[in-house]
């Protein structure tokens, strides 16, 4: 993957990660309001957190050769 492709992918991942972070905050807020009493919200939060972790790993791997990122 060349630097232009890496840069484009980086921006896509950052955007996706940002959207996930907002979703995680919304789910956490809902869980707190429900006194942590929603298995469905807990499962959704777990799924969002795993996606966030996967994106973070991919972001970190984009710069393994010390490119411009």
PDB file of N, CA and C in Angstrom:
ATOM      1  N   UNK A   1       0.857  -1.173   0.000  1.00  0.00           N
ATOM      2  CA  UNK A   1       0.000   0.000   0.000  1.00  0.00           C
ATOM      3  C   UNK A   1       0.903   1.235   0.000  1.00  0.00           C
ATOM      4  N   UNK A   2       0.658   2.124  -0.978  1.00  0.00           N
ATOM      5  CA  UNK A   2       1.494   3.327  -1.034  1.00  0.00           C
ATOM      6  C   UNK A   2       1.007   4.372  -0.022  1.00  0.00           C
ATOM      7  N   UNK A   3       1.764   5.451   0.088  1.00  0.00           N
ATOM      8  CA  UNK A   3       1.445   6.470   1.097  1.00  0.00           C
ATOM      9  C   UNK A   3       0.094   7.137   0.862  1.00  0.00           C
ATOM     10  N   UNK A   4      -0.279   7.356  -0.410  1.00  0.00           N
ATOM     11  CA  UNK A   4      -1.589   7.956  -0.693  1.00  0.00           C
ATOM     12  C   UNK A   4      -2.717   7.043  -0.236  1.00  0.00           C
ATOM     13  N   UNK A   5      -2.585   5.748  -0.518  1.00  0.00           N
ATOM     14  CA  UNK A   5      -3.601   4.789  -0.090  1.00  0.00           C
ATOM     15  C   UNK A   5      -3.658   4.709   1.435  1.00  0.00           C
ATOM     16  N   UNK A   6      -2.478   4.743   2.062  1.00  0.00           N
ATOM     17  CA  UNK A   6      -2.426   4.720   3.529  1.00  0.00           C
ATOM     18  C   UNK A   6      -3.107   5.948   4.111  1.00  0.00           C
ATOM     19  N   UNK A   7      -2.846   7.097   3.514  1.00  0.00           N
ATOM     20  CA  UNK A   7      -3.456   8.338   3.996  1.00  0.00           C
ATOM     21  C   UNK A   7      -4.966   8.308   3.875  1.00  0.00           C
ATOM     22  N   UNK A   8      -5.447   7.810   2.752  1.00  0.00           N
ATOM     23  CA  UNK A   8      -6.894   7.711   2.550  1.00  0.00           C
ATOM     24  C   UNK A   8      -7.506   6.735   3.543  1.00  0.00           C
ATOM     25  N   UNK A   9      -6.865   5.586   3.709  1.00  0.00           N
ATOM     26  CA  UNK A   9      -7.371   4.582   4.649  1.00  0.00           C
ATOM     27  C   UNK A   9      -7.341   5.126   6.076  1.00  0.00           C
ATOM     28  N   UNK A  10      -6.291   5.849   6.414  1.00  0.00           N
ATOM     29  CA  UNK A  10      -6.160   6.454   7.735  1.00  0.00           C
ATOM     30  C   UNK A  10      -7.359   7.363   8.027  1.00  0.00           C
ATOM     31  N   UNK A  11      -7.697   8.224   7.080  1.00  0.00           N
ATOM     32  CA  UNK A  11      -8.816   9.145   7.270  1.00  0.00           C
ATOM     33  C   UNK A  11     -10.143   8.396   7.386  1.00  0.00           C
ATOM     34  N   UNK A  12     -10.318   7.345   6.586  1.00  0.00           N
ATOM     35  CA  UNK A  12     -11.533   6.535   6.678  1.00  0.00           C
ATOM     36  C   UNK A  12     -11.653   5.898   8.060  1.00  0.00           C
ATOM     37  N   UNK A  13     -10.544   5.352   8.557  1.00  0.00           N
ATOM     38  CA  UNK A  13     -10.546   4.688   9.859  1.00  0.00           C
ATOM     39  C   UNK A  13     -10.800   5.672  10.990  1.00  0.00           C
ATOM     40  N   UNK A  14     -10.205   6.853  10.902  1.00  0.00           N
ATOM     41  CA  UNK A  14     -10.413   7.881  11.925  1.00  0.00           C
ATOM     42  C   UNK A  14     -11.882   8.278  11.977  1.00  0.00           C
ATOM     43  N   UNK A  15     -12.501   8.437  10.808  1.00  0.00           N
ATOM     44  CA  UNK A  15     -13.918   8.787  10.751  1.00  0.00           C
ATOM     45  C   UNK A  15     -14.771   7.674  11.361  1.00  0.00           C
ATOM     46  N   UNK A  16     -14.480   6.438  10.988  1.00  0.00           N
ATOM     47  CA  UNK A  16     -15.239   5.307  11.527  1.00  0.00           C
ATOM     48  C   UNK A  16     -15.042   5.183  13.042  1.00  0.00           C
ATOM     49  N   UNK A  17     -13.806   5.384  13.484  1.00  0.00           N
ATOM     50  CA  UNK A  17     -13.511   5.307  14.914  1.00  0.00           C
ATOM     51  C   UNK A  17     -14.255   6.402  15.680  1.00  0.00           C
ATOM     52  N   UNK A  18     -14.295   7.596  15.130  1.00  0.00           N
ATOM     53  CA  UNK A  18     -15.003   8.704  15.761  1.00  0.00           C
ATOM     54  C   UNK A  18     -16.492   8.387  15.909  1.00  0.00           C
ATOM     55  N   UNK A  19     -17.095   7.851  14.846  1.00  0.00           N
ATOM     56  CA  UNK A  19     -18.508   7.474  14.914  1.00  0.00           C
ATOM     57  C   UNK A  19     -18.747   6.395  15.966  1.00  0.00           C
ATOM     58  N   UNK A  20     -17.848   5.438  16.051  1.00  0.00           N
ATOM     59  CA  UNK A  20     -17.969   4.394  17.069  1.00  0.00           C
ATOM     60  C   UNK A  20     -17.863   4.972  18.475  1.00  0.00           C
ATOM     61  N   UNK A  21     -16.947   5.918  18.653  1.00  0.00           N
ATOM     62  CA  UNK A  21     -16.793   6.528  19.974  1.00  0.00           C
ATOM     63  C   UNK A  21     -18.080   7.215  20.412  1.00  0.00           C
ATOM     64  N   UNK A  22     -18.738   7.923  19.483  1.00  0.00           N
ATOM     65  CA  UNK A  22     -20.002   8.573  19.827  1.00  0.00           C
ATOM     66  C   UNK A  22     -21.070   7.538  20.156  1.00  0.00           C
ATOM     67  N   UNK A  23     -21.080   6.435  19.423  1.00  0.00           N
ATOM     68  CA  UNK A  23     -22.045   5.363  19.707  1.00  0.00           C
ATOM     69  C   UNK A  23     -21.789   4.736  21.067  1.00  0.00           C
ATOM     70  N   UNK A  24     -20.525   4.548  21.394  1.00  0.00           N
ATOM     71  CA  UNK A  24     -20.159   3.976  22.697  1.00  0.00           C
ATOM     72  C   UNK A  24     -20.623   4.894  23.822  1.00  0.00           C
ATOM     73  N   UNK A  25     -20.400   6.185  23.669  1.00  0.00           N
ATOM     74  CA  UNK A  25     -20.834   7.154  24.683  1.00  0.00           C
ATOM     75  C   UNK A  25     -22.352   7.110  24.844  1.00  0.00           C
ATOM     76  N   UNK A  26     -23.072   7.044  23.729  1.00  0.00           N
ATOM     77  CA  UNK A  26     -24.540   6.999  23.795  1.00  0.00           C
ATOM     78  C   UNK A  26     -25.015   5.742  24.521  1.00  0.00           C
ATOM     79  N   UNK A  27     -24.393   4.599  24.207  1.00  0.00           N
ATOM     80  CA  UNK A  27     -24.778   3.344  24.871  1.00  0.00           C
ATOM     81  C   UNK A  27     -24.449   3.399  26.362  1.00  0.00           C
ATOM     82  N   UNK A  28     -23.283   3.920  26.699  1.00  0.00           N
ATOM     83  CA  UNK A  28     -22.911   4.039  28.109  1.00  0.00           C
ATOM     84  C   UNK A  28     -23.879   4.939  28.866  1.00  0.00           C
ATOM     85  N   UNK A  29     -24.236   6.050  28.252  1.00  0.00           N
ATOM     86  CA  UNK A  29     -25.182   6.961  28.895  1.00  0.00           C
ATOM     87  C   UNK A  29     -26.525   6.280  29.129  1.00  0.00           C
ATOM     88  N   UNK A  30     -26.978   5.535  28.135  1.00  0.00           N
ATOM     89  CA  UNK A  30     -28.240   4.809  28.282  1.00  0.00           C
ATOM     90  C   UNK A  30     -28.159   3.769  29.385  1.00  0.00           C
ATOM     91  N   UNK A  31     -27.034   3.051  29.434  1.00  0.00           N
ATOM     92  CA  UNK A  31     -26.871   2.035  30.482  1.00  0.00           C
ATOM     93  C   UNK A  31     -26.865   2.653  31.870  1.00  0.00           C
ATOM     94  N   UNK A  32     -26.181   3.772  32.010  1.00  0.00           N
ATOM     95  CA  UNK A  32     -26.149   4.453  33.305  1.00  0.00           C
ATOM     96  C   UNK A  32     -27.561   4.875  33.696  1.00  0.00           C
ATOM     97  N   UNK A  33     -28.292   5.439  32.749  1.00  0.00           N
ATOM     98  CA  UNK A  33     -29.666   5.869  33.033  1.00  0.00           C
ATOM     99  C   UNK A  33     -30.568   4.701  33.400  1.00  0.00           C
ATOM    100  N   UNK A  34     -30.259   3.524  32.883  1.00  0.00           N
ATOM    101  CA  UNK A  34     -31.065   2.332  33.181  1.00  0.00           C
ATOM    102  C   UNK A  34     -30.481   1.544  34.360  1.00  0.00           C
ATOM    103  N   UNK A  35     -29.546   2.174  35.058  1.00  0.00           N
ATOM    104  CA  UNK A  35     -28.866   1.560  36.196  1.00  0.00           C
ATOM    105  C   UNK A  35     -28.213   0.230  35.813  1.00  0.00           C
ATOM    106  N   UNK A  36     -27.599   0.210  34.627  1.00  0.00           N
ATOM    107  CA  UNK A  36     -26.840  -0.929  34.099  1.00  0.00           C
ATOM    108  C   UNK A  36     -27.709  -2.181  33.967  1.00  0.00           C
ATOM    109  N   UNK A  37     -28.985  -1.995  33.738  1.00  0.00           N
ATOM    110  CA  UNK A  37     -29.918  -3.112  33.744  1.00  0.00           C
ATOM    111  C   UNK A  37     -30.457  -3.405  32.338  1.00  0.00           C
ATOM    112  N   UNK A  38     -29.578  -3.557  31.359  1.00  0.00           N
ATOM    113  CA  UNK A  38     -30.004  -3.887  29.998  1.00  0.00           C
ATOM    114  C   UNK A  38     -28.969  -4.793  29.352  1.00  0.00           C
ATOM    115  N   UNK A  39     -29.301  -6.064  29.245  1.00  0.00           N
ATOM    116  CA  UNK A  39     -28.381  -7.005  28.603  1.00  0.00           C
ATOM    117  C   UNK A  39     -28.154  -6.645  27.145  1.00  0.00           C
ATOM    118  N   UNK A  40     -29.195  -6.161  26.475  1.00  0.00           N
ATOM    119  CA  UNK A  40     -29.067  -5.792  25.067  1.00  0.00           C
ATOM    120  C   UNK A  40     -28.063  -4.653  24.881  1.00  0.00           C
ATOM    121  N   UNK A  41     -28.179  -3.613  25.699  1.00  0.00           N
ATOM    122  CA  UNK A  41     -27.237  -2.488  25.602  1.00  0.00           C
ATOM    123  C   UNK A  41     -25.820  -2.928  25.956  1.00  0.00           C
ATOM    124  N   UNK A  42     -25.694  -3.798  26.920  1.00  0.00           N
ATOM    125  CA  UNK A  42     -24.367  -4.296  27.291  1.00  0.00           C
ATOM    126  C   UNK A  42     -23.732  -5.055  26.132  1.00  0.00           C
ATOM    127  N   UNK A  43     -24.511  -5.873  25.442  1.00  0.00           N
ATOM    128  CA  UNK A  43     -23.989  -6.620  24.294  1.00  0.00           C
ATOM    129  C   UNK A  43     -23.626  -5.681  23.149  1.00  0.00           C
ATOM    130  N   UNK A  44     -24.466  -4.678  22.903  1.00  0.00           N
ATOM    131  CA  UNK A  44     -24.164  -3.693  21.863  1.00  0.00           C
ATOM    132  C   UNK A  44     -22.875  -2.943  22.192  1.00  0.00           C
ATOM    133  N   UNK A  45     -22.711  -2.586  23.441  1.00  0.00           N
ATOM    134  CA  UNK A  45     -21.507  -1.885  23.877  1.00  0.00           C
ATOM    135  C   UNK A  45     -20.274  -2.762  23.688  1.00  0.00           C
ATOM    136  N   UNK A  46     -20.394  -4.036  24.008  1.00  0.00           N
ATOM    137  CA  UNK A  46     -19.281  -4.964  23.822  1.00  0.00           C
ATOM    138  C   UNK A  46     -18.901  -5.062  22.340  1.00  0.00           C
ATOM    139  N   UNK A  47     -19.890  -5.145  21.463  1.00  0.00           N
ATOM    140  CA  UNK A  47     -19.633  -5.214  20.024  1.00  0.00           C
ATOM    141  C   UNK A  47     -18.955  -3.944  19.525  1.00  0.00           C
ATOM    142  N   UNK A  48     -19.452  -2.792  19.943  1.00  0.00           N
ATOM    143  CA  UNK A  48     -18.850  -1.514  19.540  1.00  0.00           C
ATOM    144  C   UNK A  48     -17.409  -1.402  20.030  1.00  0.00           C
ATOM    145  N   UNK A  49     -17.156  -1.850  21.236  1.00  0.00           N
ATOM    146  CA  UNK A  49     -15.810  -1.784  21.800  1.00  0.00           C
ATOM    147  C   UNK A  49     -14.849  -2.679  21.016  1.00  0.00           C
ATOM    148  N   UNK A  50     -15.306  -3.853  20.621  1.00  0.00           N
ATOM    149  CA  UNK A  50     -14.459  -4.752  19.821  1.00  0.00           C
ATOM    150  C   UNK A  50     -14.149  -4.135  18.462  1.00  0.00           C
ATOM    151  N   UNK A  51     -15.139  -3.503  17.823  1.00  0.00           N
ATOM    152  CA  UNK A  51     -14.918  -2.831  16.545  1.00  0.00           C
ATOM    153  C   UNK A  51     -13.904  -1.704  16.705  1.00  0.00           C
ATOM    154  N   UNK A  52     -14.043  -0.942  17.783  1.00  0.00           N
ATOM    155  CA  UNK A  52     -13.125   0.169  18.051  1.00  0.00           C
ATOM    156  C   UNK A  52     -11.692  -0.363  18.203  1.00  0.00           C
ATOM    157  N   UNK A  53     -11.547  -1.453  18.913  1.00  0.00           N
ATOM    158  CA  UNK A  53     -10.230  -2.061  19.111  1.00  0.00           C
ATOM    159  C   UNK A  53      -9.629  -2.524  17.785  1.00  0.00           C
ATOM    160  N   UNK A  54     -10.451  -3.119  16.940  1.00  0.00           N
ATOM    161  CA  UNK A  54      -9.985  -3.582  15.634  1.00  0.00           C
ATOM    162  C   UNK A  54      -9.507  -2.412  14.774  1.00  0.00           C
ATOM    163  N   UNK A  55     -10.257  -1.327  14.780  1.00  0.00           N
ATOM    164  CA  UNK A  55      -9.869  -0.135  14.014  1.00  0.00           C
ATOM    165  C   UNK A  55      -8.570   0.444  14.558  1.00  0.00           C
ATOM    166  N   UNK A  56      -8.440   0.510  15.870  1.00  0.00           N
ATOM    167  CA  UNK A  56      -7.224   1.049  16.479  1.00  0.00           C
ATOM    168  C   UNK A  56      -6.011   0.220  16.080  1.00  0.00           C
ATOM    169  N   UNK A  57      -6.160  -1.099  16.069  1.00  0.00           N
ATOM    170  CA  UNK A  57      -5.050  -1.967  15.652  1.00  0.00           C
ATOM    171  C   UNK A  57      -4.679  -1.720  14.195  1.00  0.00           C
ATOM    172  N   UNK A  58      -5.692  -1.563  13.335  1.00  0.00           N
ATOM    173  CA  UNK A  58      -5.405  -1.300  11.932  1.00  0.00           C
ATOM    174  C   UNK A  58      -4.733   0.062  11.762  1.00  0.00           C
ATOM    175  N   UNK A  59      -5.202   1.066  12.484  1.00  0.00           N
ATOM    176  CA  UNK A  59      -4.565   2.386  12.428  1.00  0.00           C
ATOM    177  C   UNK A  59      -3.095   2.293  12.824  1.00  0.00           C
ATOM    178  N   UNK A  60      -2.820   1.561  13.886  1.00  0.00           N
ATOM    179  CA  UNK A  60      -1.441   1.423  14.347  1.00  0.00           C
ATOM    180  C   UNK A  60      -0.584   0.664  13.340  1.00  0.00           C
ATOM    181  N   UNK A  61      -1.175  -0.265  12.607  1.00  0.00           N
ATOM    182  CA  UNK A  61      -0.401  -1.050  11.645  1.00  0.00           C
ATOM    183  C   UNK A  61      -0.100  -0.277  10.366  1.00  0.00           C
ATOM    184  N   UNK A  62      -0.850   0.772  10.083  1.00  0.00           N
ATOM    185  CA  UNK A  62      -0.617   1.547   8.860  1.00  0.00           C
ATOM    186  C   UNK A  62       0.760   2.191   8.834  1.00  0.00           C
ATOM    187  N   UNK A  63       1.318   2.467   9.965  1.00  0.00           N
ATOM    188  CA  UNK A  63       2.591   3.195  10.026  1.00  0.00           C
ATOM    189  C   UNK A  63       3.736   2.305  10.488  1.00  0.00           C
ATOM    190  N   UNK A  64       3.659   1.012  10.221  1.00  0.00           N
ATOM    191  CA  UNK A  64       4.736   0.151  10.714  1.00  0.00           C
ATOM    192  C   UNK A  64       6.063   0.385  10.021  1.00  0.00           C
ATOM    193  N   UNK A  65       6.064   0.999   8.828  1.00  0.00           N
ATOM    194  CA  UNK A  65       7.322   1.280   8.114  1.00  0.00           C
ATOM    195  C   UNK A  65       7.750   2.736   8.241  1.00  0.00           C
ATOM    196  N   UNK A  66       7.251   3.421   9.254  1.00  0.00           N
ATOM    197  CA  UNK A  66       7.608   4.824   9.506  1.00  0.00           C
ATOM    198  C   UNK A  66       7.371   5.717   8.290  1.00  0.00           C
ATOM    199  N   UNK A  67       6.211   5.582   7.681  1.00  0.00           N
ATOM    200  CA  UNK A  67       5.868   6.418   6.534  1.00  0.00           C
ATOM    201  C   UNK A  67       5.459   7.799   7.024  1.00  0.00           C
ATOM    202  N   UNK A  68       4.827   8.555   6.150  1.00  0.00           N
ATOM    203  CA  UNK A  68       4.447   9.924   6.515  1.00  0.00           C
ATOM    204  C   UNK A  68       3.352   9.987   7.546  1.00  0.00           C
ATOM    205  N   UNK A  69       2.682   8.853   7.814  1.00  0.00           N
ATOM    206  CA  UNK A  69       1.648   8.855   8.836  1.00  0.00           C
ATOM    207  C   UNK A  69       2.312   8.869  10.172  1.00  0.00           C
TER     208      UNK A  69
END
